[in-house]
């Protein structure tokens, strides 16, 4: 694969992983999560977990790393949703 394609993939992974931080920080700052859908985020966490498994099966560290970090952020949001409802 060409270097430019790898860079594009890396930028996509960083962007989609870090996009969860503003939501996470907002919930922590406001201690309020009533606007967050538990079902949607649980489904998303399941899908991201499956992407991690897929990354392991194809031995792709970028897929594993990006989705593992994303999964941590989403699980944190789910935990805060359960705590602050």
PDB file of N, CA and C in Angstrom:
ATOM      1  N   UNK A   1       0.846  -1.168   0.000  1.00  0.00           N
ATOM      2  CA  UNK A   1       0.000   0.000   0.000  1.00  0.00           C
ATOM      3  C   UNK A   1       0.899   1.241   0.000  1.00  0.00           C
ATOM      4  N   UNK A   2       0.475   2.268  -0.691  1.00  0.00           N
ATOM      5  CA  UNK A   2       1.306   3.467  -0.784  1.00  0.00           C
ATOM      6  C   UNK A   2       1.292   4.255   0.525  1.00  0.00           C
ATOM      7  N   UNK A   3       2.331   5.038   0.692  1.00  0.00           N
ATOM      8  CA  UNK A   3       2.476   5.844   1.905  1.00  0.00           C
ATOM      9  C   UNK A   3       1.299   6.791   2.079  1.00  0.00           C
ATOM     10  N   UNK A   4       0.837   7.413   0.999  1.00  0.00           N
ATOM     11  CA  UNK A   4      -0.273   8.376   1.105  1.00  0.00           C
ATOM     12  C   UNK A   4      -1.566   7.687   1.553  1.00  0.00           C
ATOM     13  N   UNK A   5      -1.768   6.451   1.143  1.00  0.00           N
ATOM     14  CA  UNK A   5      -2.952   5.704   1.572  1.00  0.00           C
ATOM     15  C   UNK A   5      -2.845   5.392   3.057  1.00  0.00           C
ATOM     16  N   UNK A   6      -1.663   5.022   3.519  1.00  0.00           N
ATOM     17  CA  UNK A   6      -1.441   4.749   4.942  1.00  0.00           C
ATOM     18  C   UNK A   6      -1.665   6.002   5.777  1.00  0.00           C
ATOM     19  N   UNK A   7      -1.194   7.144   5.300  1.00  0.00           N
ATOM     20  CA  UNK A   7      -1.388   8.409   6.020  1.00  0.00           C
ATOM     21  C   UNK A   7      -2.870   8.750   6.084  1.00  0.00           C
ATOM     22  N   UNK A   8      -3.573   8.556   4.988  1.00  0.00           N
ATOM     23  CA  UNK A   8      -5.011   8.811   4.965  1.00  0.00           C
ATOM     24  C   UNK A   8      -5.724   7.935   5.987  1.00  0.00           C
ATOM     25  N   UNK A   9      -5.381   6.661   6.034  1.00  0.00           N
ATOM     26  CA  UNK A   9      -5.972   5.746   7.006  1.00  0.00           C
ATOM     27  C   UNK A   9      -5.654   6.150   8.437  1.00  0.00           C
ATOM     28  N   UNK A  10      -4.418   6.572   8.671  1.00  0.00           N
ATOM     29  CA  UNK A  10      -4.023   7.007  10.014  1.00  0.00           C
ATOM     30  C   UNK A  10      -4.790   8.259  10.431  1.00  0.00           C
ATOM     31  N   UNK A  11      -4.941   9.205   9.516  1.00  0.00           N
ATOM     32  CA  UNK A  11      -5.706  10.421   9.829  1.00  0.00           C
ATOM     33  C   UNK A  11      -7.169  10.093  10.117  1.00  0.00           C
ATOM     34  N   UNK A  12      -7.738   9.176   9.353  1.00  0.00           N
ATOM     35  CA  UNK A  12      -9.124   8.757   9.597  1.00  0.00           C
ATOM     36  C   UNK A  12      -9.248   8.105  10.966  1.00  0.00           C
ATOM     37  N   UNK A  13      -8.307   7.240  11.313  1.00  0.00           N
ATOM     38  CA  UNK A  13      -8.344   6.558  12.607  1.00  0.00           C
ATOM     39  C   UNK A  13      -8.221   7.539  13.763  1.00  0.00           C
ATOM     40  N   UNK A  14      -7.296   8.482  13.659  1.00  0.00           N
ATOM     41  CA  UNK A  14      -7.106   9.469  14.730  1.00  0.00           C
ATOM     42  C   UNK A  14      -8.348  10.344  14.869  1.00  0.00           C
ATOM     43  N   UNK A  15      -8.894  10.778  13.752  1.00  0.00           N
ATOM     44  CA  UNK A  15     -10.073  11.651  13.787  1.00  0.00           C
ATOM     45  C   UNK A  15     -11.277  10.953  14.406  1.00  0.00           C
ATOM     46  N   UNK A  16     -11.570   9.733  13.956  1.00  0.00           N
ATOM     47  CA  UNK A  16     -12.752   9.047  14.471  1.00  0.00           C
ATOM     48  C   UNK A  16     -12.561   8.560  15.907  1.00  0.00           C
ATOM     49  N   UNK A  17     -11.326   8.390  16.317  1.00  0.00           N
ATOM     50  CA  UNK A  17     -11.066   8.001  17.707  1.00  0.00           C
ATOM     51  C   UNK A  17     -11.188   9.205  18.633  1.00  0.00           C
ATOM     52  N   UNK A  18     -10.562  10.297  18.269  1.00  0.00           N
ATOM     53  CA  UNK A  18     -10.547  11.478  19.139  1.00  0.00           C
ATOM     54  C   UNK A  18     -11.870  12.242  19.149  1.00  0.00           C
ATOM     55  N   UNK A  19     -12.750  11.966  18.199  1.00  0.00           N
ATOM     56  CA  UNK A  19     -14.022  12.693  18.150  1.00  0.00           C
ATOM     57  C   UNK A  19     -14.884  12.425  19.383  1.00  0.00           C
ATOM     58  N   UNK A  20     -14.596  11.370  20.131  1.00  0.00           N
ATOM     59  CA  UNK A  20     -15.382  11.046  21.325  1.00  0.00           C
ATOM     60  C   UNK A  20     -14.962  11.867  22.543  1.00  0.00           C
ATOM     61  N   UNK A  21     -13.793  12.457  22.504  1.00  0.00           N
ATOM     62  CA  UNK A  21     -13.309  13.197  23.676  1.00  0.00           C
ATOM     63  C   UNK A  21     -14.178  14.394  24.053  1.00  0.00           C
ATOM     64  N   UNK A  22     -14.636  15.229  23.107  1.00  0.00           N
ATOM     65  CA  UNK A  22     -15.506  16.342  23.524  1.00  0.00           C
ATOM     66  C   UNK A  22     -16.769  15.879  24.254  1.00  0.00           C
ATOM     67  N   UNK A  23     -17.375  14.793  23.786  1.00  0.00           N
ATOM     68  CA  UNK A  23     -18.571  14.268  24.454  1.00  0.00           C
ATOM     69  C   UNK A  23     -18.245  13.782  25.856  1.00  0.00           C
ATOM     70  N   UNK A  24     -17.138  13.063  25.969  1.00  0.00           N
ATOM     71  CA  UNK A  24     -16.700  12.545  27.260  1.00  0.00           C
ATOM     72  C   UNK A  24     -16.422  13.687  28.236  1.00  0.00           C
ATOM     73  N   UNK A  25     -15.689  14.697  27.785  1.00  0.00           N
ATOM     74  CA  UNK A  25     -15.369  15.840  28.647  1.00  0.00           C
ATOM     75  C   UNK A  25     -16.619  16.610  29.047  1.00  0.00           C
ATOM     76  N   UNK A  26     -17.582  16.747  28.111  1.00  0.00           N
ATOM     77  CA  UNK A  26     -18.828  17.458  28.414  1.00  0.00           C
ATOM     78  C   UNK A  26     -19.611  16.746  29.515  1.00  0.00           C
ATOM     79  N   UNK A  27     -19.703  15.432  29.423  1.00  0.00           N
ATOM     80  CA  UNK A  27     -20.428  14.673  30.447  1.00  0.00           C
ATOM     81  C   UNK A  27     -19.726  14.804  31.795  1.00  0.00           C
ATOM     82  N   UNK A  28     -18.423  14.698  31.799  1.00  0.00           N
ATOM     83  CA  UNK A  28     -17.666  14.827  33.051  1.00  0.00           C
ATOM     84  C   UNK A  28     -17.843  16.218  33.645  1.00  0.00           C
ATOM     85  N   UNK A  29     -17.741  17.248  32.807  1.00  0.00           N
ATOM     86  CA  UNK A  29     -17.840  18.633  33.272  1.00  0.00           C
ATOM     87  C   UNK A  29     -19.233  18.950  33.821  1.00  0.00           C
ATOM     88  N   UNK A  30     -20.265  18.511  33.108  1.00  0.00           N
ATOM     89  CA  UNK A  30     -21.638  18.852  33.487  1.00  0.00           C
ATOM     90  C   UNK A  30     -22.284  17.831  34.418  1.00  0.00           C
ATOM     91  N   UNK A  31     -21.693  16.662  34.547  1.00  0.00           N
ATOM     92  CA  UNK A  31     -22.248  15.580  35.369  1.00  0.00           C
ATOM     93  C   UNK A  31     -23.707  15.316  35.010  1.00  0.00           C
ATOM     94  N   UNK A  32     -23.937  15.235  33.699  1.00  0.00           N
ATOM     95  CA  UNK A  32     -25.287  15.056  33.193  1.00  0.00           C
ATOM     96  C   UNK A  32     -25.194  14.337  31.844  1.00  0.00           C
ATOM     97  N   UNK A  33     -25.974  13.281  31.681  1.00  0.00           N
ATOM     98  CA  UNK A  33     -25.907  12.499  30.449  1.00  0.00           C
ATOM     99  C   UNK A  33     -27.286  12.077  29.953  1.00  0.00           C
ATOM    100  N   UNK A  34     -28.313  12.840  30.301  1.00  0.00           N
ATOM    101  CA  UNK A  34     -29.666  12.433  29.897  1.00  0.00           C
ATOM    102  C   UNK A  34     -29.851  12.479  28.382  1.00  0.00           C
ATOM    103  N   UNK A  35     -29.072  13.268  27.683  1.00  0.00           N
ATOM    104  CA  UNK A  35     -29.193  13.363  26.229  1.00  0.00           C
ATOM    105  C   UNK A  35     -28.468  12.263  25.479  1.00  0.00           C
ATOM    106  N   UNK A  36     -27.803  11.387  26.192  1.00  0.00           N
ATOM    107  CA  UNK A  36     -27.048  10.304  25.574  1.00  0.00           C
ATOM    108  C   UNK A  36     -27.931   9.060  25.508  1.00  0.00           C
ATOM    109  N   UNK A  37     -27.980   8.433  24.352  1.00  0.00           N
ATOM    110  CA  UNK A  37     -28.783   7.217  24.193  1.00  0.00           C
ATOM    111  C   UNK A  37     -27.974   6.006  24.650  1.00  0.00           C
ATOM    112  N   UNK A  38     -28.480   5.328  25.665  1.00  0.00           N
ATOM    113  CA  UNK A  38     -27.825   4.130  26.178  1.00  0.00           C
ATOM    114  C   UNK A  38     -27.823   3.027  25.115  1.00  0.00           C
ATOM    115  N   UNK A  39     -28.949   2.809  24.460  1.00  0.00           N
ATOM    116  CA  UNK A  39     -29.055   1.742  23.462  1.00  0.00           C
ATOM    117  C   UNK A  39     -28.127   1.993  22.271  1.00  0.00           C
ATOM    118  N   UNK A  40     -28.096   3.228  21.790  1.00  0.00           N
ATOM    119  CA  UNK A  40     -27.242   3.548  20.648  1.00  0.00           C
ATOM    120  C   UNK A  40     -25.773   3.357  20.986  1.00  0.00           C
ATOM    121  N   UNK A  41     -25.362   3.846  22.135  1.00  0.00           N
ATOM    122  CA  UNK A  41     -23.953   3.723  22.507  1.00  0.00           C
ATOM    123  C   UNK A  41     -23.569   2.294  22.849  1.00  0.00           C
ATOM    124  N   UNK A  42     -24.502   1.515  23.392  1.00  0.00           N
ATOM    125  CA  UNK A  42     -24.229   0.098  23.644  1.00  0.00           C
ATOM    126  C   UNK A  42     -24.068  -0.649  22.320  1.00  0.00           C
ATOM    127  N   UNK A  43     -24.915  -0.343  21.345  1.00  0.00           N
ATOM    128  CA  UNK A  43     -24.791  -0.960  20.025  1.00  0.00           C
ATOM    129  C   UNK A  43     -23.481  -0.548  19.360  1.00  0.00           C
ATOM    130  N   UNK A  44     -23.128   0.717  19.487  1.00  0.00           N
ATOM    131  CA  UNK A  44     -21.875   1.203  18.922  1.00  0.00           C
ATOM    132  C   UNK A  44     -20.681   0.515  19.579  1.00  0.00           C
ATOM    133  N   UNK A  45     -20.726   0.358  20.891  1.00  0.00           N
ATOM    134  CA  UNK A  45     -19.644  -0.331  21.602  1.00  0.00           C
ATOM    135  C   UNK A  45     -19.514  -1.768  21.109  1.00  0.00           C
ATOM    136  N   UNK A  46     -20.627  -2.410  20.880  1.00  0.00           N
ATOM    137  CA  UNK A  46     -20.600  -3.786  20.354  1.00  0.00           C
ATOM    138  C   UNK A  46     -19.946  -3.839  18.974  1.00  0.00           C
ATOM    139  N   UNK A  47     -20.312  -2.909  18.122  1.00  0.00           N
ATOM    140  CA  UNK A  47     -19.730  -2.849  16.784  1.00  0.00           C
ATOM    141  C   UNK A  47     -18.239  -2.556  16.809  1.00  0.00           C
ATOM    142  N   UNK A  48     -17.832  -1.635  17.658  1.00  0.00           N
ATOM    143  CA  UNK A  48     -16.414  -1.301  17.773  1.00  0.00           C
ATOM    144  C   UNK A  48     -15.635  -2.485  18.338  1.00  0.00           C
ATOM    145  N   UNK A  49     -16.233  -3.204  19.285  1.00  0.00           N
ATOM    146  CA  UNK A  49     -15.595  -4.419  19.801  1.00  0.00           C
ATOM    147  C   UNK A  49     -15.374  -5.419  18.667  1.00  0.00           C
ATOM    148  N   UNK A  50     -16.373  -5.575  17.809  1.00  0.00           N
ATOM    149  CA  UNK A  50     -16.234  -6.490  16.681  1.00  0.00           C
ATOM    150  C   UNK A  50     -15.142  -6.033  15.714  1.00  0.00           C
ATOM    151  N   UNK A  51     -14.991  -4.718  15.536  1.00  0.00           N
ATOM    152  CA  UNK A  51     -13.889  -4.206  14.723  1.00  0.00           C
ATOM    153  C   UNK A  51     -12.550  -4.576  15.357  1.00  0.00           C
ATOM    154  N   UNK A  52     -12.462  -4.534  16.678  1.00  0.00           N
ATOM    155  CA  UNK A  52     -11.228  -4.949  17.368  1.00  0.00           C
ATOM    156  C   UNK A  52     -10.933  -6.417  17.097  1.00  0.00           C
ATOM    157  N   UNK A  53     -11.948  -7.251  17.194  1.00  0.00           N
ATOM    158  CA  UNK A  53     -11.782  -8.677  16.918  1.00  0.00           C
ATOM    159  C   UNK A  53     -11.340  -8.878  15.476  1.00  0.00           C
ATOM    160  N   UNK A  54     -11.962  -8.175  14.566  1.00  0.00           N
ATOM    161  CA  UNK A  54     -11.579  -8.247  13.153  1.00  0.00           C
ATOM    162  C   UNK A  54     -10.113  -7.840  12.973  1.00  0.00           C
ATOM    163  N   UNK A  55      -9.705  -6.767  13.643  1.00  0.00           N
ATOM    164  CA  UNK A  55      -8.312  -6.335  13.565  1.00  0.00           C
ATOM    165  C   UNK A  55      -7.349  -7.408  14.048  1.00  0.00           C
ATOM    166  N   UNK A  56      -7.729  -8.096  15.115  1.00  0.00           N
ATOM    167  CA  UNK A  56      -6.902  -9.201  15.623  1.00  0.00           C
ATOM    168  C   UNK A  56      -6.834 -10.324  14.589  1.00  0.00           C
ATOM    169  N   UNK A  57      -7.965 -10.670  14.008  1.00  0.00           N
ATOM    170  CA  UNK A  57      -8.010 -11.770  13.039  1.00  0.00           C
ATOM    171  C   UNK A  57      -7.193 -11.489  11.783  1.00  0.00           C
ATOM    172  N   UNK A  58      -7.136 -10.231  11.358  1.00  0.00           N
ATOM    173  CA  UNK A  58      -6.343  -9.903  10.171  1.00  0.00           C
ATOM    174  C   UNK A  58      -4.963  -9.366  10.553  1.00  0.00           C
ATOM    175  N   UNK A  59      -4.680  -9.339  11.858  1.00  0.00           N
ATOM    176  CA  UNK A  59      -3.382  -8.881  12.378  1.00  0.00           C
ATOM    177  C   UNK A  59      -3.043  -7.459  11.918  1.00  0.00           C
ATOM    178  N   UNK A  60      -4.009  -6.569  12.053  1.00  0.00           N
ATOM    179  CA  UNK A  60      -3.817  -5.174  11.664  1.00  0.00           C
ATOM    180  C   UNK A  60      -3.764  -4.299  12.909  1.00  0.00           C
ATOM    181  N   UNK A  61      -2.547  -3.918  13.288  1.00  0.00           N
ATOM    182  CA  UNK A  61      -2.387  -3.107  14.496  1.00  0.00           C
ATOM    183  C   UNK A  61      -3.087  -1.752  14.417  1.00  0.00           C
ATOM    184  N   UNK A  62      -3.114  -1.082  13.263  1.00  0.00           N
ATOM    185  CA  UNK A  62      -3.863   0.188  13.207  1.00  0.00           C
ATOM    186  C   UNK A  62      -5.353  -0.010  13.495  1.00  0.00           C
ATOM    187  N   UNK A  63      -5.945  -1.068  12.955  1.00  0.00           N
ATOM    188  CA  UNK A  63      -7.372  -1.344  13.198  1.00  0.00           C
ATOM    189  C   UNK A  63      -7.583  -1.674  14.674  1.00  0.00           C
ATOM    190  N   UNK A  64      -6.705  -2.486  15.234  1.00  0.00           N
ATOM    191  CA  UNK A  64      -6.817  -2.867  16.643  1.00  0.00           C
ATOM    192  C   UNK A  64      -6.686  -1.643  17.541  1.00  0.00           C
ATOM    193  N   UNK A  65      -5.630  -0.863  17.333  1.00  0.00           N
ATOM    194  CA  UNK A  65      -5.345   0.283  18.210  1.00  0.00           C
ATOM    195  C   UNK A  65      -6.450   1.334  18.152  1.00  0.00           C
ATOM    196  N   UNK A  66      -6.830   1.716  16.943  1.00  0.00           N
ATOM    197  CA  UNK A  66      -7.852   2.763  16.802  1.00  0.00           C
ATOM    198  C   UNK A  66      -9.161   2.329  17.444  1.00  0.00           C
ATOM    199  N   UNK A  67      -9.564   1.102  17.208  1.00  0.00           N
ATOM    200  CA  UNK A  67     -10.837   0.640  17.748  1.00  0.00           C
ATOM    201  C   UNK A  67     -10.769   0.335  19.235  1.00  0.00           C
ATOM    202  N   UNK A  68      -9.617  -0.094  19.728  1.00  0.00           N
ATOM    203  CA  UNK A  68      -9.483  -0.334  21.172  1.00  0.00           C
ATOM    204  C   UNK A  68      -9.605   0.978  21.946  1.00  0.00           C
ATOM    205  N   UNK A  69      -8.957   2.025  21.463  1.00  0.00           N
ATOM    206  CA  UNK A  69      -9.055   3.327  22.134  1.00  0.00           C
ATOM    207  C   UNK A  69     -10.475   3.871  22.029  1.00  0.00           C
ATOM    208  N   UNK A  70     -11.064   3.758  20.848  1.00  0.00           N
ATOM    209  CA  UNK A  70     -12.450   4.192  20.669  1.00  0.00           C
ATOM    210  C   UNK A  70     -13.377   3.435  21.616  1.00  0.00           C
ATOM    211  N   UNK A  71     -13.170   2.136  21.746  1.00  0.00           N
ATOM    212  CA  UNK A  71     -13.995   1.333  22.648  1.00  0.00           C
ATOM    213  C   UNK A  71     -13.856   1.813  24.088  1.00  0.00           C
ATOM    214  N   UNK A  72     -12.648   2.146  24.504  1.00  0.00           N
ATOM    215  CA  UNK A  72     -12.454   2.669  25.865  1.00  0.00           C
ATOM    216  C   UNK A  72     -13.241   3.960  26.081  1.00  0.00           C
ATOM    217  N   UNK A  73     -13.187   4.851  25.105  1.00  0.00           N
ATOM    218  CA  UNK A  73     -13.923   6.114  25.223  1.00  0.00           C
ATOM    219  C   UNK A  73     -15.426   5.868  25.285  1.00  0.00           C
ATOM    220  N   UNK A  74     -15.937   4.990  24.426  1.00  0.00           N
ATOM    221  CA  UNK A  74     -17.373   4.715  24.407  1.00  0.00           C
ATOM    222  C   UNK A  74     -17.812   4.022  25.693  1.00  0.00           C
ATOM    223  N   UNK A  75     -16.998   3.102  26.192  1.00  0.00           N
ATOM    224  CA  UNK A  75     -17.332   2.455  27.461  1.00  0.00           C
ATOM    225  C   UNK A  75     -17.329   3.458  28.609  1.00  0.00           C
ATOM    226  N   UNK A  76     -16.416   4.421  28.563  1.00  0.00           N
ATOM    227  CA  UNK A  76     -16.411   5.474  29.584  1.00  0.00           C
ATOM    228  C   UNK A  76     -17.691   6.300  29.496  1.00  0.00           C
ATOM    229  N   UNK A  77     -18.115   6.623  28.281  1.00  0.00           N
ATOM    230  CA  UNK A  77     -19.365   7.367  28.095  1.00  0.00           C
ATOM    231  C   UNK A  77     -20.546   6.547  28.611  1.00  0.00           C
ATOM    232  N   UNK A  78     -20.553   5.250  28.326  1.00  0.00           N
ATOM    233  CA  UNK A  78     -21.632   4.390  28.830  1.00  0.00           C
ATOM    234  C   UNK A  78     -21.622   4.339  30.367  1.00  0.00           C
ATOM    235  N   UNK A  79     -20.456   4.242  30.945  1.00  0.00           N
ATOM    236  CA  UNK A  79     -20.368   4.240  32.414  1.00  0.00           C
ATOM    237  C   UNK A  79     -20.888   5.538  33.001  1.00  0.00           C
ATOM    238  N   UNK A  80     -20.535   6.650  32.378  1.00  0.00           N
ATOM    239  CA  UNK A  80     -21.019   7.947  32.850  1.00  0.00           C
ATOM    240  C   UNK A  80     -22.527   8.093  32.632  1.00  0.00           C
ATOM    241  N   UNK A  81     -23.029   7.516  31.547  1.00  0.00           N
ATOM    242  CA  UNK A  81     -24.474   7.529  31.300  1.00  0.00           C
ATOM    243  C   UNK A  81     -25.195   6.778  32.419  1.00  0.00           C
ATOM    244  N   UNK A  82     -24.660   5.643  32.794  1.00  0.00           N
ATOM    245  CA  UNK A  82     -25.281   4.877  33.886  1.00  0.00           C
ATOM    246  C   UNK A  82     -25.186   5.622  35.222  1.00  0.00           C
ATOM    247  N   UNK A  83     -24.125   6.366  35.412  1.00  0.00           N
ATOM    248  CA  UNK A  83     -23.944   7.094  36.666  1.00  0.00           C
ATOM    249  C   UNK A  83     -24.769   8.379  36.720  1.00  0.00           C
ATOM    250  N   UNK A  84     -24.731   9.147  35.645  1.00  0.00           N
ATOM    251  CA  UNK A  84     -25.391  10.457  35.637  1.00  0.00           C
ATOM    252  C   UNK A  84     -26.721  10.474  34.892  1.00  0.00           C
ATOM    253  N   UNK A  85     -27.070   9.347  34.265  1.00  0.00           N
ATOM    254  CA  UNK A  85     -28.337   9.142  33.594  1.00  0.00           C
ATOM    255  C   UNK A  85     -28.794  10.164  32.665  1.00  0.00           C
TER     256      UNK A  85
END
